[in-house]
């Protein structure tokens, strides 16, 4: 999920997150537990964060558009 953050309103990302469809379906107590457990994670340029086809452990909220996504189609995956 990509959350836009402006310099003027650095806390507004939480409002955007709470308005997202995935959080709209959660009971408030669950949303609160999730928000309290969030932690900032920083990655180096070029570092692979998620590898296509691998099992996911985390849900990432991207605060800055400093990423590149490479994905294969189903046909490409079958050839490999």
PDB file of N, CA and C in Angstrom:
ATOM      1  N   UNK A   1       0.850  -1.162   0.000  1.00  0.00           N
ATOM      2  CA  UNK A   1       0.000   0.000   0.000  1.00  0.00           C
ATOM      3  C   UNK A   1       0.899   1.230   0.000  1.00  0.00           C
ATOM      4  N   UNK A   2       0.584   2.180  -0.836  1.00  0.00           N
ATOM      5  CA  UNK A   2       1.351   3.418  -0.915  1.00  0.00           C
ATOM      6  C   UNK A   2       0.592   4.530  -0.216  1.00  0.00           C
ATOM      7  N   UNK A   3       1.242   5.158   0.754  1.00  0.00           N
ATOM      8  CA  UNK A   3       0.662   6.264   1.505  1.00  0.00           C
ATOM      9  C   UNK A   3       1.454   7.516   1.162  1.00  0.00           C
ATOM     10  N   UNK A   4       0.791   8.523   0.632  1.00  0.00           N
ATOM     11  CA  UNK A   4       1.450   9.784   0.294  1.00  0.00           C
ATOM     12  C   UNK A   4       1.662  10.607   1.557  1.00  0.00           C
ATOM     13  N   UNK A   5       2.864  11.096   1.734  1.00  0.00           N
ATOM     14  CA  UNK A   5       3.173  11.949   2.878  1.00  0.00           C
ATOM     15  C   UNK A   5       3.745  13.258   2.374  1.00  0.00           C
ATOM     16  N   UNK A   6       3.151  14.353   2.798  1.00  0.00           N
ATOM     17  CA  UNK A   6       3.675  15.660   2.427  1.00  0.00           C
ATOM     18  C   UNK A   6       4.455  16.230   3.596  1.00  0.00           C
ATOM     19  N   UNK A   7       5.346  17.158   3.318  1.00  0.00           N
ATOM     20  CA  UNK A   7       6.131  17.772   4.385  1.00  0.00           C
ATOM     21  C   UNK A   7       5.247  18.542   5.358  1.00  0.00           C
ATOM     22  N   UNK A   8       4.179  19.162   4.848  1.00  0.00           N
ATOM     23  CA  UNK A   8       3.304  19.973   5.685  1.00  0.00           C
ATOM     24  C   UNK A   8       2.485  19.146   6.665  1.00  0.00           C
ATOM     25  N   UNK A   9       2.176  17.912   6.279  1.00  0.00           N
ATOM     26  CA  UNK A   9       1.241  17.114   7.057  1.00  0.00           C
ATOM     27  C   UNK A   9       1.769  15.691   7.247  1.00  0.00           C
ATOM     28  N   UNK A  10       2.866  15.548   7.995  1.00  0.00           N
ATOM     29  CA  UNK A  10       3.524  14.251   8.119  1.00  0.00           C
ATOM     30  C   UNK A  10       2.717  13.223   8.913  1.00  0.00           C
ATOM     31  N   UNK A  11       1.713  13.621   9.681  1.00  0.00           N
ATOM     32  CA  UNK A  11       0.883  12.667  10.423  1.00  0.00           C
ATOM     33  C   UNK A  11      -0.371  12.247   9.660  1.00  0.00           C
ATOM     34  N   UNK A  12      -0.606  12.824   8.495  1.00  0.00           N
ATOM     35  CA  UNK A  12      -1.807  12.527   7.730  1.00  0.00           C
ATOM     36  C   UNK A  12      -1.791  11.121   7.122  1.00  0.00           C
ATOM     37  N   UNK A  13      -0.649  10.468   7.105  1.00  0.00           N
ATOM     38  CA  UNK A  13      -0.581   9.112   6.559  1.00  0.00           C
ATOM     39  C   UNK A  13      -1.494   8.169   7.327  1.00  0.00           C
ATOM     40  N   UNK A  14      -1.650   8.407   8.624  1.00  0.00           N
ATOM     41  CA  UNK A  14      -2.494   7.547   9.442  1.00  0.00           C
ATOM     42  C   UNK A  14      -3.964   7.699   9.048  1.00  0.00           C
ATOM     43  N   UNK A  15      -4.378   8.912   8.762  1.00  0.00           N
ATOM     44  CA  UNK A  15      -5.752   9.153   8.302  1.00  0.00           C
ATOM     45  C   UNK A  15      -6.006   8.428   6.991  1.00  0.00           C
ATOM     46  N   UNK A  16      -5.056   8.523   6.063  1.00  0.00           N
ATOM     47  CA  UNK A  16      -5.185   7.832   4.777  1.00  0.00           C
ATOM     48  C   UNK A  16      -5.258   6.325   4.971  1.00  0.00           C
ATOM     49  N   UNK A  17      -4.452   5.810   5.866  1.00  0.00           N
ATOM     50  CA  UNK A  17      -4.454   4.382   6.150  1.00  0.00           C
ATOM     51  C   UNK A  17      -5.808   3.939   6.697  1.00  0.00           C
ATOM     52  N   UNK A  18      -6.336   4.687   7.648  1.00  0.00           N
ATOM     53  CA  UNK A  18      -7.627   4.332   8.245  1.00  0.00           C
ATOM     54  C   UNK A  18      -8.781   4.435   7.259  1.00  0.00           C
ATOM     55  N   UNK A  19      -8.631   5.227   6.222  1.00  0.00           N
ATOM     56  CA  UNK A  19      -9.660   5.353   5.179  1.00  0.00           C
ATOM     57  C   UNK A  19      -9.565   4.260   4.122  1.00  0.00           C
ATOM     58  N   UNK A  20      -8.474   3.500   4.119  1.00  0.00           N
ATOM     59  CA  UNK A  20      -8.284   2.465   3.101  1.00  0.00           C
ATOM     60  C   UNK A  20      -9.291   1.331   3.296  1.00  0.00           C
ATOM     61  N   UNK A  21      -9.667   0.663   2.201  1.00  0.00           N
ATOM     62  CA  UNK A  21     -10.675  -0.406   2.287  1.00  0.00           C
ATOM     63  C   UNK A  21     -10.322  -1.510   3.274  1.00  0.00           C
ATOM     64  N   UNK A  22      -9.058  -1.876   3.359  1.00  0.00           N
ATOM     65  CA  UNK A  22      -8.665  -2.966   4.255  1.00  0.00           C
ATOM     66  C   UNK A  22      -8.888  -2.586   5.720  1.00  0.00           C
ATOM     67  N   UNK A  23      -8.631  -1.337   6.077  1.00  0.00           N
ATOM     68  CA  UNK A  23      -8.836  -0.907   7.463  1.00  0.00           C
ATOM     69  C   UNK A  23     -10.297  -0.577   7.742  1.00  0.00           C
ATOM     70  N   UNK A  24     -11.057  -0.212   6.738  1.00  0.00           N
ATOM     71  CA  UNK A  24     -12.476   0.085   6.936  1.00  0.00           C
ATOM     72  C   UNK A  24     -13.245  -1.153   7.390  1.00  0.00           C
ATOM     73  N   UNK A  25     -12.768  -2.330   7.031  1.00  0.00           N
ATOM     74  CA  UNK A  25     -13.455  -3.578   7.377  1.00  0.00           C
ATOM     75  C   UNK A  25     -13.092  -4.105   8.769  1.00  0.00           C
ATOM     76  N   UNK A  26     -12.075  -3.525   9.384  1.00  0.00           N
ATOM     77  CA  UNK A  26     -11.617  -4.013  10.691  1.00  0.00           C
ATOM     78  C   UNK A  26     -12.373  -3.360  11.845  1.00  0.00           C
ATOM     79  N   UNK A  27     -12.613  -4.115  12.906  1.00  0.00           N
ATOM     80  CA  UNK A  27     -13.171  -3.501  14.118  1.00  0.00           C
ATOM     81  C   UNK A  27     -12.149  -2.511  14.685  1.00  0.00           C
ATOM     82  N   UNK A  28     -12.609  -1.435  15.324  1.00  0.00           N
ATOM     83  CA  UNK A  28     -11.691  -0.417  15.860  1.00  0.00           C
ATOM     84  C   UNK A  28     -10.605  -0.962  16.783  1.00  0.00           C
ATOM     85  N   UNK A  29     -10.918  -1.961  17.601  1.00  0.00           N
ATOM     86  CA  UNK A  29      -9.892  -2.500  18.502  1.00  0.00           C
ATOM     87  C   UNK A  29      -8.775  -3.188  17.718  1.00  0.00           C
ATOM     88  N   UNK A  30      -9.112  -3.858  16.625  1.00  0.00           N
ATOM     89  CA  UNK A  30      -8.095  -4.497  15.794  1.00  0.00           C
ATOM     90  C   UNK A  30      -7.241  -3.446  15.100  1.00  0.00           C
ATOM     91  N   UNK A  31      -7.880  -2.393  14.599  1.00  0.00           N
ATOM     92  CA  UNK A  31      -7.137  -1.307  13.951  1.00  0.00           C
ATOM     93  C   UNK A  31      -6.158  -0.676  14.929  1.00  0.00           C
ATOM     94  N   UNK A  32      -6.609  -0.466  16.153  1.00  0.00           N
ATOM     95  CA  UNK A  32      -5.755   0.132  17.173  1.00  0.00           C
ATOM     96  C   UNK A  32      -4.547  -0.760  17.468  1.00  0.00           C
ATOM     97  N   UNK A  33      -4.762  -2.062  17.578  1.00  0.00           N
ATOM     98  CA  UNK A  33      -3.661  -2.998  17.833  1.00  0.00           C
ATOM     99  C   UNK A  33      -2.649  -2.955  16.692  1.00  0.00           C
ATOM    100  N   UNK A  34      -3.126  -2.905  15.475  1.00  0.00           N
ATOM    101  CA  UNK A  34      -2.227  -2.854  14.312  1.00  0.00           C
ATOM    102  C   UNK A  34      -1.431  -1.559  14.321  1.00  0.00           C
ATOM    103  N   UNK A  35      -2.113  -0.436  14.516  1.00  0.00           N
ATOM    104  CA  UNK A  35      -1.421   0.860  14.514  1.00  0.00           C
ATOM    105  C   UNK A  35      -0.367   0.943  15.614  1.00  0.00           C
ATOM    106  N   UNK A  36      -0.655   0.360  16.760  1.00  0.00           N
ATOM    107  CA  UNK A  36       0.298   0.401  17.862  1.00  0.00           C
ATOM    108  C   UNK A  36       1.518  -0.485  17.607  1.00  0.00           C
ATOM    109  N   UNK A  37       1.372  -1.460  16.723  1.00  0.00           N
ATOM    110  CA  UNK A  37       2.493  -2.375  16.464  1.00  0.00           C
ATOM    111  C   UNK A  37       3.313  -1.988  15.228  1.00  0.00           C
ATOM    112  N   UNK A  38       2.928  -0.918  14.531  1.00  0.00           N
ATOM    113  CA  UNK A  38       3.689  -0.491  13.349  1.00  0.00           C
ATOM    114  C   UNK A  38       5.080  -0.030  13.746  1.00  0.00           C
ATOM    115  N   UNK A  39       6.035  -0.319  12.883  1.00  0.00           N
ATOM    116  CA  UNK A  39       7.394   0.162  13.111  1.00  0.00           C
ATOM    117  C   UNK A  39       7.999   0.574  11.771  1.00  0.00           C
ATOM    118  N   UNK A  40       8.822   1.595  11.805  1.00  0.00           N
ATOM    119  CA  UNK A  40       9.483   2.078  10.594  1.00  0.00           C
ATOM    120  C   UNK A  40      10.634   1.146  10.241  1.00  0.00           C
ATOM    121  N   UNK A  41      10.730   0.835   8.961  1.00  0.00           N
ATOM    122  CA  UNK A  41      11.813  -0.001   8.450  1.00  0.00           C
ATOM    123  C   UNK A  41      12.405   0.723   7.247  1.00  0.00           C
ATOM    124  N   UNK A  42      13.716   0.816   7.208  1.00  0.00           N
ATOM    125  CA  UNK A  42      14.393   1.489   6.099  1.00  0.00           C
ATOM    126  C   UNK A  42      15.223   0.467   5.337  1.00  0.00           C
ATOM    127  N   UNK A  43      15.273   0.630   4.030  1.00  0.00           N
ATOM    128  CA  UNK A  43      16.019  -0.289   3.181  1.00  0.00           C
ATOM    129  C   UNK A  43      17.039   0.474   2.359  1.00  0.00           C
ATOM    130  N   UNK A  44      18.105  -0.209   1.989  1.00  0.00           N
ATOM    131  CA  UNK A  44      19.142   0.386   1.147  1.00  0.00           C
ATOM    132  C   UNK A  44      18.703   0.370  -0.313  1.00  0.00           C
ATOM    133  N   UNK A  45      19.237   1.287  -1.086  1.00  0.00           N
ATOM    134  CA  UNK A  45      18.940   1.354  -2.513  1.00  0.00           C
ATOM    135  C   UNK A  45      19.324   0.028  -3.167  1.00  0.00           C
ATOM    136  N   UNK A  46      18.403  -0.516  -3.956  1.00  0.00           N
ATOM    137  CA  UNK A  46      18.651  -1.763  -4.666  1.00  0.00           C
ATOM    138  C   UNK A  46      18.359  -3.022  -3.870  1.00  0.00           C
ATOM    139  N   UNK A  47      18.026  -2.874  -2.611  1.00  0.00           N
ATOM    140  CA  UNK A  47      17.749  -4.033  -1.759  1.00  0.00           C
ATOM    141  C   UNK A  47      16.411  -4.656  -2.142  1.00  0.00           C
ATOM    142  N   UNK A  48      16.377  -5.979  -2.254  1.00  0.00           N
ATOM    143  CA  UNK A  48      15.133  -6.691  -2.561  1.00  0.00           C
ATOM    144  C   UNK A  48      14.367  -6.871  -1.261  1.00  0.00           C
ATOM    145  N   UNK A  49      13.121  -6.399  -1.260  1.00  0.00           N
ATOM    146  CA  UNK A  49      12.289  -6.444  -0.054  1.00  0.00           C
ATOM    147  C   UNK A  49      11.335  -7.626  -0.106  1.00  0.00           C
ATOM    148  N   UNK A  50      10.706  -7.822  -1.251  1.00  0.00           N
ATOM    149  CA  UNK A  50       9.769  -8.920  -1.450  1.00  0.00           C
ATOM    150  C   UNK A  50      10.140  -9.607  -2.749  1.00  0.00           C
ATOM    151  N   UNK A  51      10.262 -10.919  -2.722  1.00  0.00           N
ATOM    152  CA  UNK A  51      10.609 -11.689  -3.903  1.00  0.00           C
ATOM    153  C   UNK A  51       9.354 -12.393  -4.406  1.00  0.00           C
ATOM    154  N   UNK A  52       9.040 -12.193  -5.672  1.00  0.00           N
ATOM    155  CA  UNK A  52       7.825 -12.763  -6.250  1.00  0.00           C
ATOM    156  C   UNK A  52       7.802 -14.278  -6.066  1.00  0.00           C
ATOM    157  N   UNK A  53       6.666 -14.779  -5.585  1.00  0.00           N
ATOM    158  CA  UNK A  53       6.485 -16.208  -5.389  1.00  0.00           C
ATOM    159  C   UNK A  53       6.839 -16.698  -3.999  1.00  0.00           C
ATOM    160  N   UNK A  54       7.512 -15.867  -3.211  1.00  0.00           N
ATOM    161  CA  UNK A  54       7.866 -16.298  -1.854  1.00  0.00           C
ATOM    162  C   UNK A  54       6.720 -15.969  -0.896  1.00  0.00           C
ATOM    163  N   UNK A  55       6.700 -16.685   0.219  1.00  0.00           N
ATOM    164  CA  UNK A  55       5.663 -16.482   1.218  1.00  0.00           C
ATOM    165  C   UNK A  55       5.900 -15.150   1.926  1.00  0.00           C
ATOM    166  N   UNK A  56       4.860 -14.357   2.108  1.00  0.00           N
ATOM    167  CA  UNK A  56       4.987 -13.062   2.764  1.00  0.00           C
ATOM    168  C   UNK A  56       4.883 -13.160   4.276  1.00  0.00           C
ATOM    169  N   UNK A  57       5.696 -12.356   4.962  1.00  0.00           N
ATOM    170  CA  UNK A  57       5.674 -12.320   6.421  1.00  0.00           C
ATOM    171  C   UNK A  57       5.130 -11.004   6.952  1.00  0.00           C
ATOM    172  N   UNK A  58       5.191  -9.962   6.114  1.00  0.00           N
ATOM    173  CA  UNK A  58       4.874  -8.607   6.563  1.00  0.00           C
ATOM    174  C   UNK A  58       3.955  -7.912   5.571  1.00  0.00           C
ATOM    175  N   UNK A  59       3.333  -6.864   6.042  1.00  0.00           N
ATOM    176  CA  UNK A  59       2.520  -5.981   5.207  1.00  0.00           C
ATOM    177  C   UNK A  59       3.234  -4.632   5.231  1.00  0.00           C
ATOM    178  N   UNK A  60       3.679  -4.187   4.069  1.00  0.00           N
ATOM    179  CA  UNK A  60       4.460  -2.957   3.998  1.00  0.00           C
ATOM    180  C   UNK A  60       3.597  -1.769   3.597  1.00  0.00           C
ATOM    181  N   UNK A  61       3.772  -0.675   4.281  1.00  0.00           N
ATOM    182  CA  UNK A  61       3.158   0.600   3.936  1.00  0.00           C
ATOM    183  C   UNK A  61       4.292   1.473   3.409  1.00  0.00           C
ATOM    184  N   UNK A  62       4.206   1.868   2.166  1.00  0.00           N
ATOM    185  CA  UNK A  62       5.279   2.636   1.545  1.00  0.00           C
ATOM    186  C   UNK A  62       4.951   4.115   1.664  1.00  0.00           C
ATOM    187  N   UNK A  63       5.813   4.846   2.355  1.00  0.00           N
ATOM    188  CA  UNK A  63       5.569   6.267   2.607  1.00  0.00           C
ATOM    189  C   UNK A  63       6.198   7.168   1.554  1.00  0.00           C
ATOM    190  N   UNK A  64       7.181   6.674   0.836  1.00  0.00           N
ATOM    191  CA  UNK A  64       7.824   7.468  -0.204  1.00  0.00           C
ATOM    192  C   UNK A  64       7.897   6.646  -1.475  1.00  0.00           C
ATOM    193  N   UNK A  65       7.753   7.307  -2.610  1.00  0.00           N
ATOM    194  CA  UNK A  65       7.806   6.607  -3.898  1.00  0.00           C
ATOM    195  C   UNK A  65       9.245   6.394  -4.349  1.00  0.00           C
ATOM    196  N   UNK A  66      10.009   5.785  -3.536  1.00  0.00           N
ATOM    197  CA  UNK A  66      11.401   5.519  -3.872  1.00  0.00           C
ATOM    198  C   UNK A  66      11.598   4.021  -4.021  1.00  0.00           C
ATOM    199  N   UNK A  67      10.778   3.391  -4.881  1.00  0.00           N
ATOM    200  CA  UNK A  67      10.888   1.957  -5.070  1.00  0.00           C
ATOM    201  C   UNK A  67      10.672   1.605  -6.528  1.00  0.00           C
ATOM    202  N   UNK A  68      11.089   0.413  -6.880  1.00  0.00           N
ATOM    203  CA  UNK A  68      10.864  -0.106  -8.220  1.00  0.00           C
ATOM    204  C   UNK A  68      10.291  -1.502  -8.073  1.00  0.00           C
ATOM    205  N   UNK A  69       9.264  -1.795  -8.849  1.00  0.00           N
ATOM    206  CA  UNK A  69       8.618  -3.103  -8.784  1.00  0.00           C
ATOM    207  C   UNK A  69       8.886  -3.841 -10.080  1.00  0.00           C
ATOM    208  N   UNK A  70       9.440  -5.033  -9.952  1.00  0.00           N
ATOM    209  CA  UNK A  70       9.645  -5.923 -11.094  1.00  0.00           C
ATOM    210  C   UNK A  70       8.767  -7.144 -10.868  1.00  0.00           C
ATOM    211  N   UNK A  71       7.943  -7.467 -11.829  1.00  0.00           N
ATOM    212  CA  UNK A  71       7.059  -8.622 -11.684  1.00  0.00           C
ATOM    213  C   UNK A  71       6.996  -9.388 -12.993  1.00  0.00           C
ATOM    214  N   UNK A  72       6.879 -10.704 -12.882  1.00  0.00           N
ATOM    215  CA  UNK A  72       6.731 -11.555 -14.051  1.00  0.00           C
ATOM    216  C   UNK A  72       5.263 -11.926 -14.208  1.00  0.00           C
ATOM    217  N   UNK A  73       4.877 -12.166 -15.451  1.00  0.00           N
ATOM    218  CA  UNK A  73       3.531 -12.658 -15.715  1.00  0.00           C
ATOM    219  C   UNK A  73       3.488 -14.142 -15.380  1.00  0.00           C
ATOM    220  N   UNK A  74       2.301 -14.724 -15.332  1.00  0.00           N
ATOM    221  CA  UNK A  74       2.163 -16.150 -15.056  1.00  0.00           C
ATOM    222  C   UNK A  74       2.908 -16.955 -16.116  1.00  0.00           C
ATOM    223  N   UNK A  75       2.814 -16.553 -17.385  1.00  0.00           N
ATOM    224  CA  UNK A  75       3.505 -17.270 -18.461  1.00  0.00           C
ATOM    225  C   UNK A  75       5.016 -17.247 -18.264  1.00  0.00           C
ATOM    226  N   UNK A  76       5.562 -16.112 -17.854  1.00  0.00           N
ATOM    227  CA  UNK A  76       7.005 -16.005 -17.609  1.00  0.00           C
ATOM    228  C   UNK A  76       7.417 -16.892 -16.442  1.00  0.00           C
ATOM    229  N   UNK A  77       6.604 -16.942 -15.409  1.00  0.00           N
ATOM    230  CA  UNK A  77       6.918 -17.781 -14.239  1.00  0.00           C
ATOM    231  C   UNK A  77       6.956 -19.262 -14.618  1.00  0.00           C
ATOM    232  N   UNK A  78       6.040 -19.682 -15.481  1.00  0.00           N
ATOM    233  CA  UNK A  78       5.972 -21.097 -15.894  1.00  0.00           C
ATOM    234  C   UNK A  78       7.199 -21.500 -16.706  1.00  0.00           C
ATOM    235  N   UNK A  79       7.783 -20.540 -17.450  1.00  0.00           N
ATOM    236  CA  UNK A  79       8.970 -20.844 -18.253  1.00  0.00           C
ATOM    237  C   UNK A  79      10.210 -21.024 -17.378  1.00  0.00           C
ATOM    238  N   UNK A  80      10.246 -20.373 -16.233  1.00  0.00           N
ATOM    239  CA  UNK A  80      11.442 -20.426 -15.365  1.00  0.00           C
ATOM    240  C   UNK A  80      11.564 -21.687 -14.608  1.00  0.00           C
TER     241      UNK A  80
END
